[in-house]
Amino acid sequence: MTLSPRDRTVHPPALAPAYRSTALRAPRHAPLSMPSGPAEETGPVFGHDLIGGTDADLVHNFSGAPALGERIIVHGHLRDEAGRPVPDALVEVWQANAGGRYRHAKDGYLAPLDPNFGGCGRCMTDAEGRYAFRTIRPGAYPWPNGGNDWRPAHIHFSLFGHAFGQRLVTQMYFEGDPHVALCPIVQSVPDAAAIDRLVARLDMEGTVPFDARAYRFDLVLRGRAATPFEGRA
């Protein structure tokens, strides 16, 4: 396979002054462009036997008892740079709980932990490139950037296509969240259309009545319509 070049004008720059911690980790020299080789154009390949029966159900997969919070379904299509569906791709997610706290030893936010919510899941795309998760809508949380900055509610995604060079790590936000326009991390993406591609839309057709609202979030691995990468130059 041939990998399409990344359009760097739509991805966040390595150095974004409003996102203060980038000043400590941004490279000081221009990146080098290297052609892809066999290591980038082949594997790894993941099989269905790696996925458990409840891995995609974050509402129940931690303790078996239901997690607290607004129940939602997040679903969409995964496509490659040519717009073709990507089947049998591994999709992993992780997120904060309904109060905005991660189940992580270094998360010191005062919101309580939910004893029934682990905050991570995974699934494989089907033959049409579709994926779906059941989860809890995450809460916003403060972070030590500018004194009073808050992260919008978001879900982290890690995806592998059919080649290592097709890996995408990104974040999904929710339609109508006012913090999206205020967040220095989101606003480090230089293109408004690219930011819009990070926002999931309410999907009433996918909603399960009296159970869970649905949000549609489609992803593109590479190319000019690619979903913006997290933390990439």
C-alpha atoms as a PDB file:
ATOM      1  CA  MET A   1       0.000   0.000   0.000  1.00  0.00           C
ATOM      2  CA  THR A   2       1.047   3.637  -0.487  1.00  0.00           C
ATOM      3  CA  LEU A   3       0.463   6.079   2.357  1.00  0.00           C
ATOM      4  CA  SER A   4      -0.820   9.532   1.435  1.00  0.00           C
ATOM      5  CA  PRO A   5       1.220  12.429   2.872  1.00  0.00           C
ATOM      6  CA  ARG A   6      -0.194  14.130   5.931  1.00  0.00           C
ATOM      7  CA  ASP A   7      -1.539  17.655   5.507  1.00  0.00           C
ATOM      8  CA  ARG A   8       0.288  19.365   8.374  1.00  0.00           C
ATOM      9  CA  THR A   9      -1.779  22.549   8.058  1.00  0.00           C
ATOM     10  CA  VAL A  10      -4.741  20.898   9.822  1.00  0.00           C
ATOM     11  CA  HIS A  11      -2.879  19.150  12.665  1.00  0.00           C
ATOM     12  CA  PRO A  12      -1.810  20.869  15.897  1.00  0.00           C
ATOM     13  CA  PRO A  13       1.690  22.388  15.820  1.00  0.00           C
ATOM     14  CA  ALA A  14       4.264  20.925  18.188  1.00  0.00           C
ATOM     15  CA  LEU A  15       4.588  24.337  19.850  1.00  0.00           C
ATOM     16  CA  ALA A  16       1.309  26.056  20.793  1.00  0.00           C
ATOM     17  CA  PRO A  17       2.036  28.911  23.271  1.00  0.00           C
ATOM     18  CA  ALA A  18      -1.462  28.905  24.811  1.00  0.00           C
ATOM     19  CA  TYR A  19      -1.000  25.195  25.556  1.00  0.00           C
ATOM     20  CA  ARG A  20       1.873  25.856  27.915  1.00  0.00           C
ATOM     21  CA  SER A  21       3.360  22.401  28.387  1.00  0.00           C
ATOM     22  CA  THR A  22       4.164  22.216  24.654  1.00  0.00           C
ATOM     23  CA  ALA A  23       6.998  24.682  25.312  1.00  0.00           C
ATOM     24  CA  LEU A  24       8.777  21.954  27.300  1.00  0.00           C
ATOM     25  CA  ARG A  25       8.396  19.129  24.803  1.00  0.00           C
ATOM     26  CA  ALA A  26       8.279  20.706  21.347  1.00  0.00           C
ATOM     27  CA  PRO A  27      11.261  19.800  19.119  1.00  0.00           C
ATOM     28  CA  ARG A  28      13.706  22.640  18.474  1.00  0.00           C
ATOM     29  CA  HIS A  29      14.453  21.641  14.890  1.00  0.00           C
ATOM     30  CA  ALA A  30      12.258  21.130  11.832  1.00  0.00           C
ATOM     31  CA  PRO A  31      10.974  17.550  11.391  1.00  0.00           C
ATOM     32  CA  LEU A  32      12.579  15.346   8.763  1.00  0.00           C
ATOM     33  CA  SER A  33      10.433  13.821   6.035  1.00  0.00           C
ATOM     34  CA  MET A  34      11.255  10.181   5.316  1.00  0.00           C
ATOM     35  CA  PRO A  35       9.577   7.833   2.820  1.00  0.00           C
ATOM     36  CA  SER A  36       7.564   4.982   4.274  1.00  0.00           C
ATOM     37  CA  GLY A  37       8.981   1.479   4.139  1.00  0.00           C
ATOM     38  CA  PRO A  38       7.848  -2.073   4.931  1.00  0.00           C
ATOM     39  CA  ALA A  39       7.723  -1.346   8.672  1.00  0.00           C
ATOM     40  CA  GLU A  40       5.171   1.451   8.135  1.00  0.00           C
ATOM     41  CA  GLU A  41       3.217  -0.132   5.286  1.00  0.00           C
ATOM     42  CA  THR A  42       2.544  -3.554   6.824  1.00  0.00           C
ATOM     43  CA  GLY A  43       1.031  -4.770  10.113  1.00  0.00           C
ATOM     44  CA  PRO A  44       0.367  -4.999  12.910  1.00  0.00           C
ATOM     45  CA  VAL A  45      -2.853  -6.941  12.374  1.00  0.00           C
ATOM     46  CA  PHE A  46      -5.306  -7.544  15.211  1.00  0.00           C
ATOM     47  CA  GLY A  47      -7.820 -10.389  15.372  1.00  0.00           C
ATOM     48  CA  HIS A  48     -11.275 -10.692  16.892  1.00  0.00           C
ATOM     49  CA  ASP A  49     -10.017 -13.229  19.435  1.00  0.00           C
ATOM     50  CA  LEU A  50      -8.308 -10.401  21.330  1.00  0.00           C
ATOM     51  CA  ILE A  51     -11.625  -8.700  22.144  1.00  0.00           C
ATOM     52  CA  GLY A  52     -13.769  -9.764  25.097  1.00  0.00           C
ATOM     53  CA  GLY A  53     -17.553  -9.856  25.071  1.00  0.00           C
ATOM     54  CA  THR A  54     -17.960  -6.707  27.200  1.00  0.00           C
ATOM     55  CA  ASP A  55     -14.859  -4.772  26.117  1.00  0.00           C
ATOM     56  CA  ALA A  56     -16.974  -2.252  24.187  1.00  0.00           C
ATOM     57  CA  ASP A  57     -19.439  -1.746  27.071  1.00  0.00           C
ATOM     58  CA  LEU A  58     -17.801   0.741  29.440  1.00  0.00           C
ATOM     59  CA  VAL A  59     -21.031   0.974  31.435  1.00  0.00           C
ATOM     60  CA  HIS A  60     -20.543  -2.586  32.736  1.00  0.00           C
ATOM     61  CA  ASN A  61     -17.059  -3.855  31.835  1.00  0.00           C
ATOM     62  CA  PHE A  62     -15.232  -2.767  35.016  1.00  0.00           C
ATOM     63  CA  SER A  63     -17.197  -4.336  37.865  1.00  0.00           C
ATOM     64  CA  GLY A  64     -20.313  -5.753  36.231  1.00  0.00           C
ATOM     65  CA  ALA A  65     -22.543  -3.267  38.060  1.00  0.00           C
ATOM     66  CA  PRO A  66     -23.692  -0.238  36.012  1.00  0.00           C
ATOM     67  CA  ALA A  67     -21.578   2.906  36.142  1.00  0.00           C
ATOM     68  CA  LEU A  68     -23.042   6.210  37.286  1.00  0.00           C
ATOM     69  CA  GLY A  69     -23.879   8.987  34.848  1.00  0.00           C
ATOM     70  CA  GLU A  70     -25.590   9.722  31.554  1.00  0.00           C
ATOM     71  CA  ARG A  71     -25.541   6.586  29.416  1.00  0.00           C
ATOM     72  CA  ILE A  72     -24.544   7.175  25.801  1.00  0.00           C
ATOM     73  CA  ILE A  73     -23.637   5.272  22.648  1.00  0.00           C
ATOM     74  CA  VAL A  74     -20.691   6.478  20.566  1.00  0.00           C
ATOM     75  CA  HIS A  75     -20.518   5.042  17.066  1.00  0.00           C
ATOM     76  CA  GLY A  76     -19.313   5.829  13.560  1.00  0.00           C
ATOM     77  CA  HIS A  77     -17.232   4.726  10.594  1.00  0.00           C
ATOM     78  CA  LEU A  78     -13.472   4.382  10.240  1.00  0.00           C
ATOM     79  CA  ARG A  79     -12.154   5.208   6.761  1.00  0.00           C
ATOM     80  CA  ASP A  80      -8.766   5.448   5.095  1.00  0.00           C
ATOM     81  CA  GLU A  81      -7.331   8.385   3.153  1.00  0.00           C
ATOM     82  CA  ALA A  82      -9.257   7.344   0.026  1.00  0.00           C
ATOM     83  CA  GLY A  83     -12.611   7.246   1.847  1.00  0.00           C
ATOM     84  CA  ARG A  84     -12.764   3.444   1.883  1.00  0.00           C
ATOM     85  CA  PRO A  85     -14.064   1.700   5.028  1.00  0.00           C
ATOM     86  CA  VAL A  86     -11.373   0.077   7.178  1.00  0.00           C
ATOM     87  CA  PRO A  87     -12.599  -3.319   8.449  1.00  0.00           C
ATOM     88  CA  ASP A  88     -11.012  -5.378  11.250  1.00  0.00           C
ATOM     89  CA  ALA A  89      -9.250  -2.384  12.789  1.00  0.00           C
ATOM     90  CA  LEU A  90      -8.665  -2.091  16.525  1.00  0.00           C
ATOM     91  CA  VAL A  91     -10.395   0.919  18.152  1.00  0.00           C
ATOM     92  CA  GLU A  92      -9.457   1.701  21.756  1.00  0.00           C
ATOM     93  CA  VAL A  93     -10.983   4.418  23.970  1.00  0.00           C
ATOM     94  CA  TRP A  94     -10.309   5.847  27.414  1.00  0.00           C
ATOM     95  CA  GLN A  95     -12.010   8.652  29.311  1.00  0.00           C
ATOM     96  CA  ALA A  96     -12.855  10.325  32.623  1.00  0.00           C
ATOM     97  CA  ASN A  97     -15.968   9.356  34.563  1.00  0.00           C
ATOM     98  CA  ALA A  98     -19.171  11.397  34.808  1.00  0.00           C
ATOM     99  CA  GLY A  99     -17.549  13.676  37.387  1.00  0.00           C
ATOM    100  CA  GLY A 100     -14.504  14.387  35.221  1.00  0.00           C
ATOM    101  CA  ARG A 101     -12.035  12.106  37.026  1.00  0.00           C
ATOM    102  CA  TYR A 102      -9.817   9.403  35.519  1.00  0.00           C
ATOM    103  CA  ARG A 103      -9.118   6.103  37.223  1.00  0.00           C
ATOM    104  CA  HIS A 104      -5.416   6.926  37.358  1.00  0.00           C
ATOM    105  CA  ALA A 105      -3.058   7.140  40.325  1.00  0.00           C
ATOM    106  CA  LYS A 106      -1.902  10.635  39.355  1.00  0.00           C
ATOM    107  CA  ASP A 107      -5.363  12.153  38.855  1.00  0.00           C
ATOM    108  CA  GLY A 108      -5.801  14.395  41.883  1.00  0.00           C
ATOM    109  CA  TYR A 109      -9.066  16.089  40.881  1.00  0.00           C
ATOM    110  CA  LEU A 110     -11.460  16.268  43.845  1.00  0.00           C
ATOM    111  CA  ALA A 111     -14.356  14.639  41.962  1.00  0.00           C
ATOM    112  CA  PRO A 112     -15.060  11.132  43.350  1.00  0.00           C
ATOM    113  CA  LEU A 113     -14.134   7.907  41.629  1.00  0.00           C
ATOM    114  CA  ASP A 114     -16.999   5.730  40.454  1.00  0.00           C
ATOM    115  CA  PRO A 115     -16.355   2.228  41.876  1.00  0.00           C
ATOM    116  CA  ASN A 116     -18.116   0.716  38.856  1.00  0.00           C
ATOM    117  CA  PHE A 117     -16.365   2.643  36.064  1.00  0.00           C
ATOM    118  CA  GLY A 118     -12.925   1.793  34.700  1.00  0.00           C
ATOM    119  CA  GLY A 119     -12.959   4.258  31.824  1.00  0.00           C
ATOM    120  CA  CYS A 120     -11.505   2.192  28.980  1.00  0.00           C
ATOM    121  CA  GLY A 121     -12.732  -0.118  26.239  1.00  0.00           C
ATOM    122  CA  ARG A 122     -11.982  -1.509  22.792  1.00  0.00           C
ATOM    123  CA  CYS A 123     -13.642  -3.075  19.793  1.00  0.00           C
ATOM    124  CA  MET A 124     -12.982  -4.114  16.199  1.00  0.00           C
ATOM    125  CA  THR A 125     -14.528  -2.406  13.184  1.00  0.00           C
ATOM    126  CA  ASP A 126     -16.893  -4.588  11.155  1.00  0.00           C
ATOM    127  CA  ALA A 127     -16.828  -5.303   7.414  1.00  0.00           C
ATOM    128  CA  GLU A 128     -18.165  -1.783   6.686  1.00  0.00           C
ATOM    129  CA  GLY A 129     -15.682  -0.055   8.981  1.00  0.00           C
ATOM    130  CA  ARG A 130     -18.271   0.564  11.699  1.00  0.00           C
ATOM    131  CA  TYR A 131     -17.522   0.665  15.432  1.00  0.00           C
ATOM    132  CA  ALA A 132     -19.685   1.289  18.521  1.00  0.00           C
ATOM    133  CA  PHE A 133     -19.252   1.760  22.274  1.00  0.00           C
ATOM    134  CA  ARG A 134     -21.661   2.050  25.190  1.00  0.00           C
ATOM    135  CA  THR A 135     -20.326   4.365  27.857  1.00  0.00           C
ATOM    136  CA  ILE A 136     -20.991   7.228  30.262  1.00  0.00           C
ATOM    137  CA  ARG A 137     -20.764  10.819  29.089  1.00  0.00           C
ATOM    138  CA  PRO A 138     -17.558  12.116  30.694  1.00  0.00           C
ATOM    139  CA  GLY A 139     -17.447  15.273  32.769  1.00  0.00           C
ATOM    140  CA  ALA A 140     -15.317  18.358  32.204  1.00  0.00           C
ATOM    141  CA  TYR A 141     -12.343  18.879  34.535  1.00  0.00           C
ATOM    142  CA  PRO A 142      -9.835  21.622  35.405  1.00  0.00           C
ATOM    143  CA  TRP A 143      -6.177  21.428  34.420  1.00  0.00           C
ATOM    144  CA  PRO A 144      -3.172  23.533  35.484  1.00  0.00           C
ATOM    145  CA  ASN A 145      -2.517  25.496  32.327  1.00  0.00           C
ATOM    146  CA  GLY A 146      -3.675  29.094  32.683  1.00  0.00           C
ATOM    147  CA  GLY A 147      -5.138  29.212  36.178  1.00  0.00           C
ATOM    148  CA  ASN A 148      -8.775  28.586  35.216  1.00  0.00           C
ATOM    149  CA  ASP A 149      -8.683  26.310  32.165  1.00  0.00           C
ATOM    150  CA  TRP A 150     -11.107  23.406  31.845  1.00  0.00           C
ATOM    151  CA  ARG A 151     -10.976  20.490  29.436  1.00  0.00           C
ATOM    152  CA  PRO A 152     -14.223  19.932  27.529  1.00  0.00           C
ATOM    153  CA  ALA A 153     -15.918  16.586  27.991  1.00  0.00           C
ATOM    154  CA  HIS A 154     -13.975  14.271  25.691  1.00  0.00           C
ATOM    155  CA  ILE A 155     -13.101  10.677  24.853  1.00  0.00           C
ATOM    156  CA  HIS A 156      -9.612   9.610  23.751  1.00  0.00           C
ATOM    157  CA  PHE A 157      -9.320   7.337  20.713  1.00  0.00           C
ATOM    158  CA  SER A 158      -6.447   5.158  19.518  1.00  0.00           C
ATOM    159  CA  LEU A 159      -6.932   3.428  16.150  1.00  0.00           C
ATOM    160  CA  PHE A 160      -4.863   1.133  13.972  1.00  0.00           C
ATOM    161  CA  GLY A 161      -5.579   0.710  10.276  1.00  0.00           C
ATOM    162  CA  HIS A 162      -3.922  -1.931   8.126  1.00  0.00           C
ATOM    163  CA  ALA A 163      -0.441  -0.491   8.545  1.00  0.00           C
ATOM    164  CA  PHE A 164       1.569   0.982  11.400  1.00  0.00           C
ATOM    165  CA  GLY A 165       1.729   4.305   9.520  1.00  0.00           C
ATOM    166  CA  GLN A 166      -2.070   4.509   9.712  1.00  0.00           C
ATOM    167  CA  ARG A 167      -2.247   4.776  13.497  1.00  0.00           C
ATOM    168  CA  LEU A 168      -4.317   7.692  14.800  1.00  0.00           C
ATOM    169  CA  VAL A 169      -4.500   9.008  18.376  1.00  0.00           C
ATOM    170  CA  THR A 170      -7.067  11.749  18.844  1.00  0.00           C
ATOM    171  CA  GLN A 171      -9.867  13.103  21.043  1.00  0.00           C
ATOM    172  CA  MET A 172     -13.613  13.328  20.467  1.00  0.00           C
ATOM    173  CA  TYR A 173     -15.701  16.229  21.779  1.00  0.00           C
ATOM    174  CA  PHE A 174     -19.459  16.730  22.069  1.00  0.00           C
ATOM    175  CA  GLU A 175     -21.677  18.963  19.972  1.00  0.00           C
ATOM    176  CA  GLY A 176     -22.716  22.142  21.808  1.00  0.00           C
ATOM    177  CA  ASP A 177     -20.021  22.058  24.503  1.00  0.00           C
ATOM    178  CA  PRO A 178     -18.967  25.708  25.178  1.00  0.00           C
ATOM    179  CA  HIS A 179     -15.569  24.614  26.488  1.00  0.00           C
ATOM    180  CA  VAL A 180     -14.492  23.451  23.014  1.00  0.00           C
ATOM    181  CA  ALA A 181     -14.011  27.073  21.916  1.00  0.00           C
ATOM    182  CA  LEU A 182     -12.175  27.916  25.166  1.00  0.00           C
ATOM    183  CA  CYS A 183      -9.760  24.973  25.393  1.00  0.00           C
ATOM    184  CA  PRO A 184      -6.126  25.751  24.416  1.00  0.00           C
ATOM    185  CA  ILE A 185      -5.578  22.116  23.402  1.00  0.00           C
ATOM    186  CA  VAL A 186      -8.515  22.094  20.989  1.00  0.00           C
ATOM    187  CA  GLN A 187      -7.692  25.559  19.689  1.00  0.00           C
ATOM    188  CA  SER A 188      -4.116  24.511  18.894  1.00  0.00           C
ATOM    189  CA  VAL A 189      -5.658  22.868  15.799  1.00  0.00           C
ATOM    190  CA  PRO A 190      -5.137  25.654  13.219  1.00  0.00           C
ATOM    191  CA  ASP A 191      -8.099  24.859  10.966  1.00  0.00           C
ATOM    192  CA  ALA A 192     -11.739  25.392  12.017  1.00  0.00           C
ATOM    193  CA  ALA A 193     -12.958  22.632   9.704  1.00  0.00           C
ATOM    194  CA  ALA A 194     -10.507  20.223  11.297  1.00  0.00           C
ATOM    195  CA  ILE A 195     -11.780  21.142  14.783  1.00  0.00           C
ATOM    196  CA  ASP A 196     -15.295  20.461  13.538  1.00  0.00           C
ATOM    197  CA  ARG A 197     -14.182  16.954  12.533  1.00  0.00           C
ATOM    198  CA  LEU A 198     -13.344  16.321  16.207  1.00  0.00           C
ATOM    199  CA  VAL A 199     -16.925  17.015  17.344  1.00  0.00           C
ATOM    200  CA  ALA A 200     -19.457  14.184  17.642  1.00  0.00           C
ATOM    201  CA  ARG A 201     -23.036  14.922  16.590  1.00  0.00           C
ATOM    202  CA  LEU A 202     -26.177  13.909  18.430  1.00  0.00           C
ATOM    203  CA  ASP A 203     -27.737  11.009  16.509  1.00  0.00           C
ATOM    204  CA  MET A 204     -31.353  10.518  17.505  1.00  0.00           C
ATOM    205  CA  GLU A 205     -31.759   7.635  15.049  1.00  0.00           C
ATOM    206  CA  GLY A 206     -29.109   5.706  16.981  1.00  0.00           C
ATOM    207  CA  THR A 207     -30.584   6.530  20.374  1.00  0.00           C
ATOM    208  CA  VAL A 208     -32.067   3.683  22.442  1.00  0.00           C
ATOM    209  CA  PRO A 209     -35.339   5.029  23.940  1.00  0.00           C
ATOM    210  CA  PHE A 210     -35.380   5.232  27.744  1.00  0.00           C
ATOM    211  CA  ASP A 211     -31.764   4.025  27.834  1.00  0.00           C
ATOM    212  CA  ALA A 212     -29.000   5.938  26.031  1.00  0.00           C
ATOM    213  CA  ARG A 213     -28.583   8.852  23.643  1.00  0.00           C
ATOM    214  CA  ALA A 214     -26.268   8.271  20.677  1.00  0.00           C
ATOM    215  CA  TYR A 215     -23.458  10.361  19.186  1.00  0.00           C
ATOM    216  CA  ARG A 216     -21.975   9.854  15.715  1.00  0.00           C
ATOM    217  CA  PHE A 217     -18.211  10.275  15.286  1.00  0.00           C
ATOM    218  CA  ASP A 218     -16.574   9.289  11.996  1.00  0.00           C
ATOM    219  CA  LEU A 219     -12.791   9.035  11.678  1.00  0.00           C
ATOM    220  CA  VAL A 220     -10.308   9.232   8.807  1.00  0.00           C
ATOM    221  CA  LEU A 221      -6.840   7.777   9.335  1.00  0.00           C
ATOM    222  CA  ARG A 222      -4.714   9.809   6.918  1.00  0.00           C
ATOM    223  CA  GLY A 223      -4.792  12.252   4.019  1.00  0.00           C
ATOM    224  CA  ARG A 224      -6.207  15.769   3.691  1.00  0.00           C
ATOM    225  CA  ALA A 225      -9.491  14.860   5.406  1.00  0.00           C
ATOM    226  CA  ALA A 226      -7.726  13.098   8.291  1.00  0.00           C
ATOM    227  CA  THR A 227      -9.030  13.447  11.798  1.00  0.00           C
ATOM    228  CA  PRO A 228      -6.459  15.702  13.556  1.00  0.00           C
ATOM    229  CA  PHE A 229      -3.776  13.861  15.501  1.00  0.00           C
ATOM    230  CA  GLU A 230      -3.144  14.417  19.189  1.00  0.00           C
ATOM    231  CA  GLY A 231       0.302  15.779  19.996  1.00  0.00           C
ATOM    232  CA  ARG A 232       1.732  15.404  16.494  1.00  0.00           C
ATOM    233  CA  ALA A 233       3.995  17.944  14.832  1.00  0.00           C
END
